[in-house]
Amino acid sequence: MTCAQAQLFSSLIFLSFKIKFKRNFSAISVNNARLGGICAGFRYEILWIEFYKRSPQI
């Protein structure tokens, strides 16, 4: 997967999270902007999703 594909995939995941949970994702948007275009950013987002899925808040 290229960096561009990774970023697109990541954006789609977060869009679905926003729709599903309807929460305030402004902090994630800031992180996406700061990490935009960087493959490491995509890896960070995947780790964040794994953490979020295990979170007892859901």
C-alpha atoms as a PDB file:
ATOM      1  CA  MET A   1       0.000   0.000   0.000  1.00  0.00           C
ATOM      2  CA  THR A   2       1.349   3.416  -0.952  1.00  0.00           C
ATOM      3  CA  CYS A   3       1.326   6.386   1.387  1.00  0.00           C
ATOM      4  CA  ALA A   4      -1.528   7.968  -0.571  1.00  0.00           C
ATOM      5  CA  GLN A   5      -3.602   4.794  -0.379  1.00  0.00           C
ATOM      6  CA  ALA A   6      -2.860   4.507   3.320  1.00  0.00           C
ATOM      7  CA  GLN A   7      -4.008   8.077   3.942  1.00  0.00           C
ATOM      8  CA  LEU A   8      -7.215   7.526   1.960  1.00  0.00           C
ATOM      9  CA  PHE A   9      -7.934   4.272   3.789  1.00  0.00           C
ATOM     10  CA  SER A  10      -7.294   6.007   7.097  1.00  0.00           C
ATOM     11  CA  SER A  11      -9.636   8.870   6.192  1.00  0.00           C
ATOM     12  CA  LEU A  12     -12.415   6.437   5.302  1.00  0.00           C
ATOM     13  CA  ILE A  13     -11.984   4.604   8.605  1.00  0.00           C
ATOM     14  CA  PHE A  14     -12.241   7.821  10.581  1.00  0.00           C
ATOM     15  CA  LEU A  15     -15.230   8.997   8.549  1.00  0.00           C
ATOM     16  CA  SER A  16     -17.032   5.768   9.449  1.00  0.00           C
ATOM     17  CA  PHE A  17     -16.041   6.254  13.106  1.00  0.00           C
ATOM     18  CA  LYS A  18     -17.475   9.781  13.068  1.00  0.00           C
ATOM     19  CA  ILE A  19     -20.750   8.545  11.580  1.00  0.00           C
ATOM     20  CA  LYS A  20     -20.968   5.543  13.894  1.00  0.00           C
ATOM     21  CA  PHE A  21     -20.202   7.237  17.191  1.00  0.00           C
ATOM     22  CA  LYS A  22     -21.123  10.874  16.438  1.00  0.00           C
ATOM     23  CA  ARG A  23     -18.493  12.113  18.875  1.00  0.00           C
ATOM     24  CA  ASN A  24     -16.193  15.097  18.850  1.00  0.00           C
ATOM     25  CA  PHE A  25     -13.227  14.046  16.736  1.00  0.00           C
ATOM     26  CA  SER A  26     -11.522  17.442  16.567  1.00  0.00           C
ATOM     27  CA  ALA A  27      -8.403  16.095  18.297  1.00  0.00           C
ATOM     28  CA  ILE A  28      -8.107  13.371  15.666  1.00  0.00           C
ATOM     29  CA  SER A  29      -8.537  15.944  12.903  1.00  0.00           C
ATOM     30  CA  VAL A  30      -5.627  17.925  14.355  1.00  0.00           C
ATOM     31  CA  ASN A  31      -3.488  14.788  14.450  1.00  0.00           C
ATOM     32  CA  ASN A  32      -4.439  13.917  10.871  1.00  0.00           C
ATOM     33  CA  ALA A  33      -3.432  17.395   9.722  1.00  0.00           C
ATOM     34  CA  ARG A  34      -0.140  17.234  11.568  1.00  0.00           C
ATOM     35  CA  LEU A  35       0.670  13.737  10.270  1.00  0.00           C
ATOM     36  CA  GLY A  36      -0.840  14.215   6.812  1.00  0.00           C
ATOM     37  CA  GLY A  37       1.087  12.563   3.966  1.00  0.00           C
ATOM     38  CA  ILE A  38       3.347  10.671   6.370  1.00  0.00           C
ATOM     39  CA  CYS A  39       3.226   6.874   6.414  1.00  0.00           C
ATOM     40  CA  ALA A  40       4.109   6.929  10.112  1.00  0.00           C
ATOM     41  CA  GLY A  41       0.905   8.905  10.622  1.00  0.00           C
ATOM     42  CA  PHE A  42      -1.086   6.058   9.126  1.00  0.00           C
ATOM     43  CA  ARG A  43       0.562   3.581  11.480  1.00  0.00           C
ATOM     44  CA  TYR A  44      -0.231   5.884  14.403  1.00  0.00           C
ATOM     45  CA  GLU A  45      -3.895   6.023  13.372  1.00  0.00           C
ATOM     46  CA  ILE A  46      -4.134   2.233  13.156  1.00  0.00           C
ATOM     47  CA  LEU A  47      -2.664   1.939  16.662  1.00  0.00           C
ATOM     48  CA  TRP A  48      -5.153   4.541  17.874  1.00  0.00           C
ATOM     49  CA  ILE A  49      -8.045   2.576  16.343  1.00  0.00           C
ATOM     50  CA  GLU A  50      -6.831  -0.617  18.049  1.00  0.00           C
ATOM     51  CA  PHE A  51      -6.719   1.242  21.368  1.00  0.00           C
ATOM     52  CA  TYR A  52     -10.167   2.742  20.732  1.00  0.00           C
ATOM     53  CA  LYS A  53     -11.703  -0.645  19.920  1.00  0.00           C
ATOM     54  CA  ARG A  54     -10.424  -2.023  23.234  1.00  0.00           C
ATOM     55  CA  SER A  55     -11.605   0.997  25.175  1.00  0.00           C
ATOM     56  CA  PRO A  56     -14.357   0.231  27.722  1.00  0.00           C
ATOM     57  CA  GLN A  57     -16.115   3.507  26.814  1.00  0.00           C
ATOM     58  CA  ILE A  58     -17.775   1.963  23.749  1.00  0.00           C
END
